[in-house]
């Protein structure tokens, strides 16, 4: 039995998002990771209406563990502004050496 490489997930919630929806999104990330040949090691959740620093915790975890990638549902989870989302993706990839896998890329996302 081979061991699947690890990935971390990242979500940013908007005000009013229910715990049930967050749980569903976590499951969606886990399903995607499994389909792509990975094991989801954990999900970092940033609350847009709070002062959490889940993105910094994600970068720290990637630098401490042997995770191969980061999975996000869409670049909008980094930022609602497409240019900022792309810039944050590049920053995370540069800081960690791990690629960001986007489950549902939009037509407007930079390659």
C-alpha atoms as a PDB file:
ATOM      1  CA  UNK A   1       0.000   0.000   0.000  1.00  0.00           C
ATOM      2  CA  UNK A   2       1.540   3.271  -1.066  1.00  0.00           C
ATOM      3  CA  UNK A   3       1.268   6.421   0.995  1.00  0.00           C
ATOM      4  CA  UNK A   4      -0.394   9.349  -0.742  1.00  0.00           C
ATOM      5  CA  UNK A   5       1.441  12.679  -0.688  1.00  0.00           C
ATOM      6  CA  UNK A   6      -0.069  15.254   1.668  1.00  0.00           C
ATOM      7  CA  UNK A   7      -1.804  18.491   0.735  1.00  0.00           C
ATOM      8  CA  UNK A   8      -3.381  21.239   2.830  1.00  0.00           C
ATOM      9  CA  UNK A   9      -6.617  22.984   2.001  1.00  0.00           C
ATOM     10  CA  UNK A  10      -7.425  26.673   2.379  1.00  0.00           C
ATOM     11  CA  UNK A  11     -10.819  28.384   2.545  1.00  0.00           C
ATOM     12  CA  UNK A  12     -11.876  31.981   3.133  1.00  0.00           C
ATOM     13  CA  UNK A  13     -15.440  32.336   4.348  1.00  0.00           C
ATOM     14  CA  UNK A  14     -17.648  35.349   3.870  1.00  0.00           C
ATOM     15  CA  UNK A  15     -19.900  36.743   6.615  1.00  0.00           C
ATOM     16  CA  UNK A  16     -22.975  34.588   7.101  1.00  0.00           C
ATOM     17  CA  UNK A  17     -21.439  31.332   5.851  1.00  0.00           C
ATOM     18  CA  UNK A  18     -22.760  28.488   8.009  1.00  0.00           C
ATOM     19  CA  UNK A  19     -20.709  25.804   9.729  1.00  0.00           C
ATOM     20  CA  UNK A  20     -22.574  23.291   7.573  1.00  0.00           C
ATOM     21  CA  UNK A  21     -21.336  24.927   4.387  1.00  0.00           C
ATOM     22  CA  UNK A  22     -17.773  25.015   5.726  1.00  0.00           C
ATOM     23  CA  UNK A  23     -18.030  21.289   6.537  1.00  0.00           C
ATOM     24  CA  UNK A  24     -19.323  20.608   3.011  1.00  0.00           C
ATOM     25  CA  UNK A  25     -16.434  22.608   1.486  1.00  0.00           C
ATOM     26  CA  UNK A  26     -13.941  20.638   3.625  1.00  0.00           C
ATOM     27  CA  UNK A  27     -15.437  17.420   2.267  1.00  0.00           C
ATOM     28  CA  UNK A  28     -15.225  18.771  -1.273  1.00  0.00           C
ATOM     29  CA  UNK A  29     -11.531  19.551  -0.762  1.00  0.00           C
ATOM     30  CA  UNK A  30     -10.920  16.048   0.631  1.00  0.00           C
ATOM     31  CA  UNK A  31     -12.719  14.428  -2.319  1.00  0.00           C
ATOM     32  CA  UNK A  32     -10.719  16.508  -4.805  1.00  0.00           C
ATOM     33  CA  UNK A  33      -7.433  15.668  -3.073  1.00  0.00           C
ATOM     34  CA  UNK A  34      -8.228  11.958  -3.172  1.00  0.00           C
ATOM     35  CA  UNK A  35      -9.195  12.068  -6.867  1.00  0.00           C
ATOM     36  CA  UNK A  36      -5.887  13.793  -7.625  1.00  0.00           C
ATOM     37  CA  UNK A  37      -3.868  11.185  -5.703  1.00  0.00           C
ATOM     38  CA  UNK A  38      -3.283  13.152  -2.485  1.00  0.00           C
ATOM     39  CA  UNK A  39      -4.318  12.880   1.147  1.00  0.00           C
ATOM     40  CA  UNK A  40      -5.755  16.017   2.746  1.00  0.00           C
ATOM     41  CA  UNK A  41      -3.699  16.725   5.885  1.00  0.00           C
ATOM     42  CA  UNK A  42      -5.869  19.596   7.101  1.00  0.00           C
ATOM     43  CA  UNK A  43      -7.865  22.651   6.078  1.00  0.00           C
ATOM     44  CA  UNK A  44      -7.083  26.203   7.145  1.00  0.00           C
ATOM     45  CA  UNK A  45     -10.157  28.411   7.320  1.00  0.00           C
ATOM     46  CA  UNK A  46      -9.864  32.206   7.124  1.00  0.00           C
ATOM     47  CA  UNK A  47     -12.904  34.079   8.406  1.00  0.00           C
ATOM     48  CA  UNK A  48     -13.350  37.249   6.362  1.00  0.00           C
ATOM     49  CA  UNK A  49     -15.338  38.863   9.169  1.00  0.00           C
ATOM     50  CA  UNK A  50     -12.726  38.093  11.818  1.00  0.00           C
ATOM     51  CA  UNK A  51      -9.065  38.629  12.506  1.00  0.00           C
ATOM     52  CA  UNK A  52      -7.843  35.092  11.848  1.00  0.00           C
ATOM     53  CA  UNK A  53      -4.485  34.515  10.238  1.00  0.00           C
ATOM     54  CA  UNK A  54      -5.143  31.138   8.633  1.00  0.00           C
ATOM     55  CA  UNK A  55      -3.073  32.018   5.551  1.00  0.00           C
ATOM     56  CA  UNK A  56       0.034  32.637   7.665  1.00  0.00           C
ATOM     57  CA  UNK A  57      -0.643  29.419   9.614  1.00  0.00           C
ATOM     58  CA  UNK A  58      -0.941  27.567   6.286  1.00  0.00           C
ATOM     59  CA  UNK A  59       2.408  28.927   5.070  1.00  0.00           C
ATOM     60  CA  UNK A  60       4.000  27.973   8.396  1.00  0.00           C
ATOM     61  CA  UNK A  61       2.540  24.440   8.231  1.00  0.00           C
ATOM     62  CA  UNK A  62       3.755  23.968   4.663  1.00  0.00           C
ATOM     63  CA  UNK A  63       7.252  25.013   5.674  1.00  0.00           C
ATOM     64  CA  UNK A  64       7.241  22.569   8.624  1.00  0.00           C
ATOM     65  CA  UNK A  65       5.592  19.536   7.019  1.00  0.00           C
ATOM     66  CA  UNK A  66       6.130  17.581   3.867  1.00  0.00           C
ATOM     67  CA  UNK A  67       2.937  18.623   2.123  1.00  0.00           C
ATOM     68  CA  UNK A  68       3.183  18.683  -1.646  1.00  0.00           C
ATOM     69  CA  UNK A  69       0.536  21.285  -2.508  1.00  0.00           C
ATOM     70  CA  UNK A  70      -2.288  23.561  -1.388  1.00  0.00           C
ATOM     71  CA  UNK A  71      -5.866  23.031  -2.587  1.00  0.00           C
ATOM     72  CA  UNK A  72      -8.351  25.903  -2.843  1.00  0.00           C
ATOM     73  CA  UNK A  73     -11.859  25.758  -4.297  1.00  0.00           C
ATOM     74  CA  UNK A  74     -11.164  28.902  -6.391  1.00  0.00           C
ATOM     75  CA  UNK A  75      -8.676  31.781  -6.419  1.00  0.00           C
ATOM     76  CA  UNK A  76     -11.422  33.950  -4.912  1.00  0.00           C
ATOM     77  CA  UNK A  77     -10.626  32.231  -1.620  1.00  0.00           C
ATOM     78  CA  UNK A  78      -7.350  34.182  -1.593  1.00  0.00           C
ATOM     79  CA  UNK A  79      -9.059  37.441  -2.584  1.00  0.00           C
ATOM     80  CA  UNK A  80     -12.265  38.571  -4.267  1.00  0.00           C
ATOM     81  CA  UNK A  81     -10.118  40.739  -6.557  1.00  0.00           C
ATOM     82  CA  UNK A  82      -8.712  38.437  -9.306  1.00  0.00           C
ATOM     83  CA  UNK A  83      -5.373  40.273  -9.504  1.00  0.00           C
ATOM     84  CA  UNK A  84      -4.901  40.099  -5.725  1.00  0.00           C
ATOM     85  CA  UNK A  85      -5.903  36.429  -5.699  1.00  0.00           C
ATOM     86  CA  UNK A  86      -3.308  35.648  -8.347  1.00  0.00           C
ATOM     87  CA  UNK A  87      -0.659  37.675  -6.493  1.00  0.00           C
ATOM     88  CA  UNK A  88      -1.384  35.808  -3.235  1.00  0.00           C
ATOM     89  CA  UNK A  89      -1.191  32.504  -5.089  1.00  0.00           C
ATOM     90  CA  UNK A  90       2.265  33.426  -6.407  1.00  0.00           C
ATOM     91  CA  UNK A  91       3.359  34.596  -2.952  1.00  0.00           C
ATOM     92  CA  UNK A  92       2.268  31.347  -1.295  1.00  0.00           C
ATOM     93  CA  UNK A  93       3.934  29.259  -4.010  1.00  0.00           C
ATOM     94  CA  UNK A  94       7.168  31.261  -3.710  1.00  0.00           C
ATOM     95  CA  UNK A  95       7.219  31.169   0.105  1.00  0.00           C
ATOM     96  CA  UNK A  96       6.480  27.450   0.387  1.00  0.00           C
ATOM     97  CA  UNK A  97       7.638  25.873  -2.857  1.00  0.00           C
ATOM     98  CA  UNK A  98       4.243  24.131  -3.021  1.00  0.00           C
ATOM     99  CA  UNK A  99       1.916  24.658  -5.988  1.00  0.00           C
ATOM    100  CA  UNK A 100      -1.621  25.900  -5.440  1.00  0.00           C
ATOM    101  CA  UNK A 101      -4.184  23.561  -6.995  1.00  0.00           C
ATOM    102  CA  UNK A 102      -7.434  25.326  -7.914  1.00  0.00           C
ATOM    103  CA  UNK A 103     -10.447  23.016  -7.962  1.00  0.00           C
ATOM    104  CA  UNK A 104     -12.722  25.310  -9.939  1.00  0.00           C
ATOM    105  CA  UNK A 105     -10.651  27.755 -12.009  1.00  0.00           C
ATOM    106  CA  UNK A 106     -12.590  30.508 -13.713  1.00  0.00           C
ATOM    107  CA  UNK A 107     -12.052  31.667 -17.266  1.00  0.00           C
ATOM    108  CA  UNK A 108     -10.591  34.943 -15.960  1.00  0.00           C
ATOM    109  CA  UNK A 109      -7.889  33.331 -13.794  1.00  0.00           C
ATOM    110  CA  UNK A 110      -4.331  34.003 -14.981  1.00  0.00           C
ATOM    111  CA  UNK A 111      -2.459  30.842 -15.929  1.00  0.00           C
END
